[in-house]
N, C-alpha and C. Protein backbone atom coordinates (compact mmCIF):
# COMPACT_ATOMS: atom_id res chain seq x y z
N MET A 1 127.01 133.49 105.05
CA MET A 1 126.75 132.70 106.25
C MET A 1 127.29 133.44 107.47
N SER A 2 126.46 133.64 108.45
CA SER A 2 126.84 134.35 109.67
C SER A 2 127.70 133.46 110.56
N LYS A 3 128.64 134.06 111.25
CA LYS A 3 129.47 133.28 112.17
C LYS A 3 128.77 133.09 113.52
N TYR A 4 127.59 133.67 113.68
CA TYR A 4 126.81 133.54 114.92
C TYR A 4 125.50 132.80 114.67
N ARG A 5 125.53 131.83 113.76
CA ARG A 5 124.32 131.12 113.35
C ARG A 5 123.61 130.48 114.56
N GLU A 6 124.36 129.85 115.43
CA GLU A 6 123.77 129.19 116.60
C GLU A 6 123.06 130.22 117.50
N ASP A 7 123.70 131.37 117.70
CA ASP A 7 123.09 132.43 118.50
C ASP A 7 121.87 133.01 117.80
N GLU A 8 121.91 133.10 116.49
CA GLU A 8 120.76 133.62 115.74
C GLU A 8 119.56 132.67 115.87
N ASP A 9 119.83 131.37 115.87
CA ASP A 9 118.75 130.39 116.08
C ASP A 9 118.16 130.54 117.48
N ARG A 10 119.05 130.72 118.44
CA ARG A 10 118.60 130.90 119.82
C ARG A 10 117.79 132.20 119.96
N LEU A 11 118.25 133.25 119.29
CA LEU A 11 117.53 134.53 119.31
C LEU A 11 116.12 134.36 118.75
N GLU A 12 116.00 133.59 117.68
CA GLU A 12 114.69 133.33 117.08
C GLU A 12 113.76 132.65 118.09
N GLU A 13 114.30 131.67 118.84
CA GLU A 13 113.52 131.00 119.89
C GLU A 13 113.08 131.99 120.96
N LEU A 14 114.01 132.85 121.37
CA LEU A 14 113.69 133.85 122.40
C LEU A 14 112.62 134.81 121.91
N GLN A 15 112.72 135.23 120.65
CA GLN A 15 111.74 136.16 120.10
C GLN A 15 110.36 135.54 119.99
N SER A 16 110.31 134.21 119.90
CA SER A 16 109.01 133.53 119.84
C SER A 16 108.31 133.56 121.20
N GLY A 17 109.07 133.91 122.26
CA GLY A 17 108.49 134.01 123.60
C GLY A 17 108.48 132.70 124.36
N SER A 18 109.20 131.72 123.88
CA SER A 18 109.24 130.41 124.53
C SER A 18 109.79 130.52 125.95
N ASP A 19 108.98 130.12 126.93
CA ASP A 19 109.43 130.15 128.33
C ASP A 19 110.64 129.25 128.54
N LEU A 20 110.63 128.10 127.88
CA LEU A 20 111.74 127.16 128.01
C LEU A 20 113.03 127.76 127.46
N ALA A 21 112.94 128.45 126.33
CA ALA A 21 114.13 129.09 125.74
C ALA A 21 114.66 130.18 126.66
N TRP A 22 113.76 130.98 127.24
CA TRP A 22 114.19 132.05 128.15
C TRP A 22 114.82 131.48 129.41
N LYS A 23 114.20 130.44 129.96
CA LYS A 23 114.74 129.83 131.18
C LYS A 23 116.13 129.25 130.91
N SER A 24 116.28 128.58 129.77
CA SER A 24 117.56 128.00 129.41
C SER A 24 118.63 129.08 129.23
N PHE A 25 118.28 130.16 128.53
CA PHE A 25 119.22 131.25 128.32
C PHE A 25 119.62 131.87 129.66
N TYR A 26 118.64 132.10 130.52
CA TYR A 26 118.88 132.68 131.84
C TYR A 26 119.87 131.82 132.62
N GLU A 27 119.60 130.52 132.67
CA GLU A 27 120.45 129.60 133.42
C GLU A 27 121.86 129.52 132.82
N ASP A 28 121.96 129.52 131.49
CA ASP A 28 123.27 129.43 130.84
C ASP A 28 124.12 130.67 131.09
N MET A 29 123.49 131.82 131.21
CA MET A 29 124.23 133.08 131.31
C MET A 29 124.49 133.55 132.75
N ARG A 30 123.67 133.10 133.69
CA ARG A 30 123.75 133.63 135.05
C ARG A 30 125.12 133.49 135.69
N SER A 31 125.67 132.29 135.75
CA SER A 31 126.96 132.10 136.41
C SER A 31 128.11 132.81 135.70
N PRO A 32 128.26 132.65 134.37
CA PRO A 32 129.36 133.37 133.72
C PRO A 32 129.26 134.89 133.89
N PHE A 33 128.05 135.41 133.81
CA PHE A 33 127.84 136.85 133.96
C PHE A 33 128.25 137.31 135.36
N ARG A 34 127.73 136.62 136.37
CA ARG A 34 128.03 137.02 137.75
C ARG A 34 129.52 136.91 138.04
N MET A 35 130.15 135.82 137.60
CA MET A 35 131.58 135.63 137.86
C MET A 35 132.40 136.71 137.15
N PHE A 36 132.05 137.03 135.92
CA PHE A 36 132.77 138.06 135.17
C PHE A 36 132.72 139.39 135.90
N PHE A 37 131.52 139.81 136.32
CA PHE A 37 131.39 141.12 136.95
C PHE A 37 131.89 141.13 138.39
N MET A 38 131.88 139.99 139.06
CA MET A 38 132.47 139.93 140.39
C MET A 38 133.99 140.11 140.28
N LYS A 39 134.57 139.49 139.25
CA LYS A 39 136.02 139.56 139.07
C LYS A 39 136.44 140.90 138.48
N ARG A 40 135.79 141.33 137.40
CA ARG A 40 136.25 142.48 136.64
C ARG A 40 135.73 143.83 137.14
N ALA A 41 134.61 143.83 137.84
CA ALA A 41 134.06 145.09 138.34
C ALA A 41 134.05 145.13 139.87
N SER A 42 134.64 144.11 140.49
CA SER A 42 134.73 144.01 141.95
C SER A 42 133.37 144.11 142.63
N LEU A 43 132.37 143.45 142.05
CA LEU A 43 131.04 143.42 142.66
C LEU A 43 130.95 142.24 143.61
N GLY A 44 130.15 142.40 144.63
CA GLY A 44 129.85 141.29 145.51
C GLY A 44 128.84 140.38 144.84
N PRO A 45 128.64 139.17 145.37
CA PRO A 45 127.70 138.22 144.75
C PRO A 45 126.28 138.80 144.61
N GLU A 46 125.82 139.51 145.63
CA GLU A 46 124.48 140.07 145.58
C GLU A 46 124.38 141.19 144.54
N GLU A 47 125.39 142.04 144.50
CA GLU A 47 125.41 143.12 143.50
C GLU A 47 125.46 142.56 142.09
N ALA A 48 126.28 141.52 141.88
CA ALA A 48 126.39 140.90 140.56
C ALA A 48 125.07 140.25 140.17
N GLY A 49 124.40 139.65 141.14
CA GLY A 49 123.10 139.05 140.87
C GLY A 49 122.06 140.09 140.49
N GLN A 50 122.07 141.22 141.21
CA GLN A 50 121.14 142.31 140.90
C GLN A 50 121.45 142.90 139.53
N LEU A 51 122.73 143.04 139.21
CA LEU A 51 123.12 143.55 137.89
C LEU A 51 122.64 142.59 136.80
N PHE A 52 122.80 141.29 137.04
CA PHE A 52 122.34 140.30 136.06
C PHE A 52 120.84 140.43 135.85
N HIS A 53 120.10 140.56 136.93
CA HIS A 53 118.64 140.70 136.84
C HIS A 53 118.27 141.95 136.03
N ASP A 54 118.88 143.08 136.36
CA ASP A 54 118.60 144.33 135.65
C ASP A 54 118.97 144.22 134.17
N THR A 55 120.11 143.57 133.90
CA THR A 55 120.58 143.41 132.53
C THR A 55 119.65 142.50 131.74
N MET A 56 119.17 141.42 132.37
CA MET A 56 118.25 140.51 131.68
C MET A 56 116.93 141.22 131.32
N ILE A 57 116.49 142.13 132.16
CA ILE A 57 115.27 142.88 131.85
C ILE A 57 115.48 143.70 130.59
N ILE A 58 116.61 144.38 130.50
CA ILE A 58 116.92 145.19 129.31
C ILE A 58 117.07 144.28 128.09
N PHE A 59 117.78 143.17 128.25
CA PHE A 59 117.98 142.22 127.16
C PHE A 59 116.62 141.70 126.67
N HIS A 60 115.78 141.29 127.59
CA HIS A 60 114.45 140.76 127.26
C HIS A 60 113.65 141.79 126.47
N ARG A 61 113.67 143.02 126.94
CA ARG A 61 112.96 144.11 126.27
C ARG A 61 113.51 144.30 124.84
N ASN A 62 114.82 144.31 124.71
CA ASN A 62 115.44 144.50 123.39
C ASN A 62 115.08 143.37 122.43
N VAL A 63 115.06 142.14 122.94
CA VAL A 63 114.73 140.99 122.09
C VAL A 63 113.27 141.06 121.65
N LEU A 64 112.37 141.31 122.60
CA LEU A 64 110.95 141.32 122.25
C LEU A 64 110.56 142.52 121.39
N ARG A 65 111.26 143.61 121.53
CA ARG A 65 110.98 144.79 120.70
C ARG A 65 111.75 144.75 119.38
N ARG A 66 112.45 143.64 119.16
CA ARG A 66 113.20 143.42 117.92
C ARG A 66 114.30 144.45 117.69
N LYS A 67 114.90 144.95 118.78
CA LYS A 67 116.05 145.83 118.65
C LYS A 67 117.30 145.02 118.34
N LEU A 68 117.23 143.73 118.63
CA LEU A 68 118.33 142.81 118.35
C LEU A 68 117.82 141.83 117.31
N VAL A 69 118.39 141.89 116.11
CA VAL A 69 117.94 141.03 115.02
C VAL A 69 119.14 140.46 114.27
N ALA A 70 118.88 139.37 113.57
CA ALA A 70 119.91 138.76 112.74
C ALA A 70 120.10 139.62 111.50
N PRO A 71 121.27 139.65 110.93
CA PRO A 71 122.49 138.96 111.33
C PRO A 71 123.15 139.65 112.53
N LEU A 72 123.59 138.83 113.47
CA LEU A 72 124.22 139.35 114.68
C LEU A 72 125.65 139.78 114.40
N LYS A 73 126.08 140.82 115.12
CA LYS A 73 127.46 141.30 115.00
C LYS A 73 128.31 140.80 116.16
N SER A 74 127.67 140.13 117.12
CA SER A 74 128.38 139.54 118.25
C SER A 74 127.54 138.38 118.76
N SER A 75 128.10 137.62 119.68
CA SER A 75 127.33 136.54 120.30
C SER A 75 126.32 137.15 121.26
N LEU A 76 125.30 136.38 121.61
CA LEU A 76 124.31 136.85 122.57
C LEU A 76 124.96 137.11 123.93
N LYS A 77 125.95 136.29 124.27
CA LYS A 77 126.67 136.45 125.54
C LYS A 77 127.40 137.80 125.55
N THR A 78 128.09 138.11 124.48
CA THR A 78 128.82 139.38 124.40
C THR A 78 127.85 140.56 124.46
N TYR A 79 126.73 140.44 123.79
CA TYR A 79 125.71 141.49 123.80
C TYR A 79 125.18 141.70 125.22
N LEU A 80 124.87 140.58 125.90
CA LEU A 80 124.37 140.65 127.27
C LEU A 80 125.39 141.29 128.20
N PHE A 81 126.65 140.88 128.10
CA PHE A 81 127.70 141.45 128.93
C PHE A 81 127.88 142.93 128.61
N GLY A 82 127.73 143.29 127.35
CA GLY A 82 127.83 144.70 126.95
C GLY A 82 126.75 145.55 127.61
N ILE A 83 125.55 145.00 127.71
CA ILE A 83 124.47 145.71 128.41
C ILE A 83 124.86 145.90 129.87
N GLY A 84 125.39 144.84 130.49
CA GLY A 84 125.81 144.93 131.89
C GLY A 84 126.88 146.00 132.09
N LYS A 85 127.83 146.07 131.18
CA LYS A 85 128.88 147.09 131.28
C LYS A 85 128.28 148.49 131.14
N ASN A 86 127.33 148.64 130.22
CA ASN A 86 126.69 149.95 130.04
C ASN A 86 125.88 150.36 131.28
N VAL A 87 125.23 149.40 131.91
CA VAL A 87 124.48 149.70 133.14
C VAL A 87 125.44 150.20 134.21
N LEU A 88 126.58 149.54 134.36
CA LEU A 88 127.57 149.97 135.35
C LEU A 88 128.14 151.35 135.01
N ARG A 89 128.40 151.58 133.73
CA ARG A 89 128.92 152.89 133.33
C ARG A 89 127.93 154.00 133.66
N LYS A 90 126.65 153.75 133.43
CA LYS A 90 125.62 154.75 133.74
C LYS A 90 125.58 155.04 135.23
N GLU A 91 125.94 154.05 136.04
CA GLU A 91 125.99 154.25 137.48
C GLU A 91 127.31 154.89 137.91
N GLY A 92 128.19 155.14 136.94
CA GLY A 92 129.48 155.77 137.24
C GLY A 92 130.52 154.80 137.76
N ARG A 93 130.32 153.51 137.53
CA ARG A 93 131.27 152.51 138.01
C ARG A 93 132.11 152.02 136.86
N LYS A 94 133.33 151.69 137.16
CA LYS A 94 134.25 151.22 136.14
C LYS A 94 134.67 149.78 136.46
N GLY A 95 135.17 149.12 135.44
CA GLY A 95 135.66 147.76 135.63
C GLY A 95 136.86 147.51 134.75
N ASP A 96 137.51 146.39 135.00
CA ASP A 96 138.69 145.99 134.22
C ASP A 96 138.27 144.85 133.30
N TRP A 97 137.55 145.18 132.23
CA TRP A 97 137.03 144.12 131.38
C TRP A 97 137.41 144.24 129.92
N GLU A 98 138.16 145.23 129.56
CA GLU A 98 138.44 145.47 128.15
C GLU A 98 139.14 144.29 127.47
N ALA A 99 140.03 143.59 128.17
CA ALA A 99 140.76 142.50 127.55
C ALA A 99 139.92 141.23 127.47
N GLU A 100 138.91 141.12 128.29
CA GLU A 100 138.16 139.89 128.43
C GLU A 100 137.08 139.72 127.36
N ILE A 101 136.27 140.73 127.14
CA ILE A 101 135.18 140.66 126.17
C ILE A 101 135.28 141.88 125.28
N PRO A 102 135.22 141.70 123.98
CA PRO A 102 135.33 142.86 123.10
C PRO A 102 134.16 143.81 123.29
N GLU A 103 134.41 145.07 123.05
CA GLU A 103 133.38 146.10 123.18
C GLU A 103 132.26 145.82 122.18
N VAL A 104 131.05 145.94 122.62
CA VAL A 104 129.89 145.68 121.79
C VAL A 104 129.21 147.00 121.51
N SER A 105 128.90 147.24 120.28
CA SER A 105 128.16 148.46 120.00
C SER A 105 126.68 148.17 120.18
N ILE A 106 126.10 148.83 121.16
CA ILE A 106 124.68 148.69 121.44
C ILE A 106 124.05 150.03 121.15
N GLU A 107 123.09 150.02 120.26
CA GLU A 107 122.46 151.28 119.91
C GLU A 107 121.79 151.86 121.14
N ALA A 108 122.21 153.05 121.51
CA ALA A 108 121.61 153.73 122.65
C ALA A 108 120.36 154.45 122.17
N ALA A 109 119.35 154.42 122.99
CA ALA A 109 118.15 155.16 122.66
C ALA A 109 118.46 156.64 122.77
N ILE A 110 118.11 157.37 121.75
CA ILE A 110 118.40 158.80 121.75
C ILE A 110 117.16 159.51 122.27
N GLU A 111 117.35 160.20 123.37
CA GLU A 111 116.25 160.92 123.99
C GLU A 111 116.58 162.40 124.01
N SER A 112 115.57 163.17 123.78
CA SER A 112 115.80 164.61 123.85
C SER A 112 115.83 165.04 125.32
N VAL A 113 116.32 166.21 125.55
CA VAL A 113 116.38 166.74 126.91
C VAL A 113 114.98 166.80 127.51
N HIS A 114 114.00 167.13 126.69
CA HIS A 114 112.62 167.23 127.16
C HIS A 114 112.07 165.87 127.60
N GLU A 115 112.40 164.83 126.83
CA GLU A 115 111.94 163.49 127.19
C GLU A 115 112.54 163.04 128.52
N ARG A 116 113.84 163.29 128.70
CA ARG A 116 114.49 162.92 129.96
C ARG A 116 113.90 163.70 131.13
N ALA A 117 113.64 164.99 130.93
CA ALA A 117 113.06 165.81 131.98
C ALA A 117 111.66 165.31 132.33
N ALA A 118 110.90 164.93 131.32
CA ALA A 118 109.55 164.41 131.56
C ALA A 118 109.60 163.09 132.34
N LYS A 119 110.55 162.24 131.99
CA LYS A 119 110.69 160.97 132.71
C LYS A 119 111.12 161.20 134.16
N ALA A 120 112.05 162.13 134.36
CA ALA A 120 112.50 162.45 135.71
C ALA A 120 111.35 163.00 136.54
N ASP A 121 110.52 163.84 135.92
CA ASP A 121 109.36 164.39 136.60
C ASP A 121 108.36 163.29 136.97
N LEU A 122 108.16 162.35 136.07
CA LEU A 122 107.27 161.22 136.33
C LEU A 122 107.77 160.42 137.53
N VAL A 123 109.07 160.14 137.57
CA VAL A 123 109.63 159.38 138.68
C VAL A 123 109.46 160.14 139.99
N ARG A 124 109.69 161.45 139.97
CA ARG A 124 109.49 162.25 141.19
C ARG A 124 108.04 162.18 141.67
N ARG A 125 107.10 162.28 140.73
CA ARG A 125 105.67 162.21 141.11
C ARG A 125 105.33 160.84 141.69
N LEU A 126 105.84 159.78 141.06
CA LEU A 126 105.56 158.43 141.55
C LEU A 126 106.17 158.21 142.93
N LEU A 127 107.39 158.69 143.14
CA LEU A 127 108.02 158.54 144.46
C LEU A 127 107.27 159.32 145.53
N ALA A 128 106.69 160.45 145.15
CA ALA A 128 105.90 161.23 146.10
C ALA A 128 104.62 160.49 146.47
N LYS A 129 104.05 159.76 145.53
CA LYS A 129 102.79 159.03 145.76
C LYS A 129 102.98 157.70 146.48
N ILE A 130 104.15 157.11 146.35
CA ILE A 130 104.34 155.73 146.78
C ILE A 130 104.37 155.56 148.30
N GLY A 131 104.65 156.60 149.02
CA GLY A 131 104.72 156.50 150.47
C GLY A 131 106.15 156.56 150.97
N GLU A 132 106.30 157.06 152.17
CA GLU A 132 107.62 157.32 152.74
C GLU A 132 108.49 156.06 152.86
N SER A 133 107.93 154.96 153.37
CA SER A 133 108.76 153.77 153.59
C SER A 133 109.25 153.18 152.28
N CYS A 134 108.38 153.12 151.27
CA CYS A 134 108.79 152.60 149.96
C CYS A 134 109.77 153.55 149.30
N ARG A 135 109.51 154.83 149.37
CA ARG A 135 110.40 155.82 148.75
C ARG A 135 111.80 155.69 149.34
N GLU A 136 111.87 155.60 150.67
CA GLU A 136 113.16 155.51 151.34
C GLU A 136 113.91 154.23 150.92
N LEU A 137 113.19 153.11 150.90
CA LEU A 137 113.80 151.84 150.53
C LEU A 137 114.31 151.89 149.08
N LEU A 138 113.49 152.36 148.15
CA LEU A 138 113.89 152.41 146.74
C LEU A 138 115.04 153.38 146.52
N GLU A 139 115.06 154.49 147.23
CA GLU A 139 116.18 155.43 147.11
C GLU A 139 117.48 154.80 147.58
N LEU A 140 117.41 154.05 148.69
CA LEU A 140 118.62 153.39 149.20
C LEU A 140 119.15 152.36 148.20
N VAL A 141 118.25 151.59 147.60
CA VAL A 141 118.66 150.53 146.68
C VAL A 141 119.12 151.10 145.34
N TYR A 142 118.29 151.97 144.74
CA TYR A 142 118.55 152.37 143.36
C TYR A 142 119.32 153.69 143.21
N LEU A 143 119.16 154.60 144.12
CA LEU A 143 119.87 155.86 143.97
C LEU A 143 121.20 155.86 144.71
N LYS A 144 121.21 155.23 145.89
CA LYS A 144 122.44 155.20 146.67
C LYS A 144 123.24 153.92 146.48
N GLY A 145 122.63 152.91 145.84
CA GLY A 145 123.35 151.69 145.52
C GLY A 145 123.64 150.78 146.70
N TYR A 146 122.84 150.87 147.76
CA TYR A 146 123.06 150.01 148.92
C TYR A 146 122.74 148.56 148.58
N VAL A 147 123.50 147.64 149.15
CA VAL A 147 123.17 146.22 149.05
C VAL A 147 122.10 145.93 150.10
N MET A 148 121.44 144.78 149.97
CA MET A 148 120.31 144.45 150.85
C MET A 148 120.69 144.47 152.33
N GLU A 149 121.88 143.99 152.64
CA GLU A 149 122.35 143.97 154.03
C GLU A 149 122.41 145.40 154.59
N ALA A 150 122.94 146.32 153.81
CA ALA A 150 123.05 147.71 154.25
C ALA A 150 121.69 148.37 154.36
N VAL A 151 120.77 148.03 153.45
CA VAL A 151 119.41 148.58 153.51
C VAL A 151 118.73 148.10 154.79
N ALA A 152 118.88 146.81 155.09
CA ALA A 152 118.29 146.25 156.31
C ALA A 152 118.81 146.97 157.54
N LYS A 153 120.11 147.19 157.59
CA LYS A 153 120.73 147.87 158.73
C LYS A 153 120.22 149.31 158.83
N GLU A 154 120.19 150.00 157.70
CA GLU A 154 119.76 151.41 157.66
C GLU A 154 118.30 151.58 158.10
N LEU A 155 117.45 150.63 157.70
CA LEU A 155 116.03 150.74 158.01
C LEU A 155 115.64 150.00 159.29
N GLY A 156 116.62 149.37 159.93
CA GLY A 156 116.34 148.67 161.19
C GLY A 156 115.55 147.39 160.99
N ILE A 157 115.77 146.73 159.87
CA ILE A 157 115.09 145.47 159.56
C ILE A 157 116.08 144.34 159.84
N THR A 158 115.63 143.31 160.52
CA THR A 158 116.55 142.26 160.95
C THR A 158 116.87 141.24 159.86
N ASN A 159 116.03 141.14 158.83
CA ASN A 159 116.19 140.08 157.84
C ASN A 159 116.31 140.66 156.44
N GLU A 160 117.34 140.26 155.69
CA GLU A 160 117.53 140.72 154.32
C GLU A 160 116.39 140.26 153.42
N GLY A 161 115.85 139.08 153.70
CA GLY A 161 114.72 138.56 152.93
C GLY A 161 113.52 139.47 153.02
N THR A 162 113.31 140.06 154.19
CA THR A 162 112.22 141.01 154.38
C THR A 162 112.44 142.24 153.51
N VAL A 163 113.68 142.68 153.42
CA VAL A 163 114.00 143.84 152.58
C VAL A 163 113.70 143.52 151.13
N ARG A 164 114.10 142.33 150.66
CA ARG A 164 113.82 141.93 149.27
C ARG A 164 112.32 141.91 149.00
N LYS A 165 111.56 141.35 149.94
CA LYS A 165 110.10 141.27 149.79
C LYS A 165 109.51 142.67 149.73
N ARG A 166 109.94 143.56 150.62
CA ARG A 166 109.43 144.93 150.62
C ARG A 166 109.79 145.64 149.32
N LYS A 167 111.02 145.40 148.83
CA LYS A 167 111.44 146.02 147.57
C LYS A 167 110.53 145.53 146.44
N PHE A 168 110.26 144.23 146.41
CA PHE A 168 109.37 143.67 145.40
C PHE A 168 107.99 144.31 145.48
N ASP A 169 107.46 144.40 146.71
CA ASP A 169 106.13 145.01 146.90
C ASP A 169 106.12 146.48 146.49
N CYS A 170 107.18 147.20 146.82
CA CYS A 170 107.26 148.62 146.46
C CYS A 170 107.32 148.81 144.95
N LEU A 171 108.10 147.96 144.28
CA LEU A 171 108.17 148.05 142.82
C LEU A 171 106.83 147.70 142.18
N LYS A 172 106.15 146.74 142.76
CA LYS A 172 104.82 146.37 142.26
C LYS A 172 103.86 147.56 142.42
N LYS A 173 103.92 148.19 143.58
CA LYS A 173 103.10 149.37 143.84
C LYS A 173 103.44 150.49 142.85
N MET A 174 104.74 150.65 142.57
CA MET A 174 105.20 151.68 141.64
C MET A 174 104.65 151.40 140.25
N ARG A 175 104.67 150.13 139.82
CA ARG A 175 104.12 149.77 138.50
C ARG A 175 102.64 150.09 138.42
N LEU A 176 101.91 149.78 139.48
CA LEU A 176 100.47 150.08 139.50
C LEU A 176 100.22 151.58 139.41
N LEU A 177 101.00 152.35 140.15
CA LEU A 177 100.87 153.80 140.09
C LEU A 177 101.21 154.33 138.68
N LEU A 178 102.18 153.72 138.06
CA LEU A 178 102.58 154.11 136.71
C LEU A 178 101.44 153.84 135.73
N GLU A 179 100.81 152.68 135.87
CA GLU A 179 99.67 152.34 134.99
C GLU A 179 98.51 153.33 135.19
N GLU A 180 98.25 153.69 136.45
CA GLU A 180 97.18 154.65 136.75
C GLU A 180 97.50 156.02 136.18
N ASP A 181 98.79 156.37 136.18
CA ASP A 181 99.22 157.69 135.74
C ASP A 181 99.10 157.86 134.23
N ARG A 182 99.11 156.75 133.50
CA ARG A 182 99.06 156.82 132.03
C ARG A 182 97.69 157.05 131.53
């Protein structure tokens, strides 16, 4: 008998693709996740929210691709927080979280040097195609780590909401270009 039976049942619901299960999981995890990373990694509310969003995308992908299966070795919450910590580590950021949540072993995708080079080349090509304003905005957000307020100031935009909308539109454009490129 697994000690994570309740989480395994929830995982089964998530794997079925139930919108209600995903919405419930999202709502249950959002506040604890944001508070943990605001406290332990010194993130601002907006940064913690963006980290949660990015982490949920990875979590969703892992669940639907069946990379996470029963029997679980940790709770879903611990697994989700582990993804968040790994995202921050990849960005070169550190936090004070070792005592709070145990380390979770998350299988990292093993990529060859050639695969990474090919992906980097694809991103460069897409950024070249996307247009100067989108490229600049995406570089500020994802490569330089600017928060929306700083992006707005840098680009001379008066409203942070406008920056979010432009970022959404640019990412949508990037996805379309990616589909065309395949």
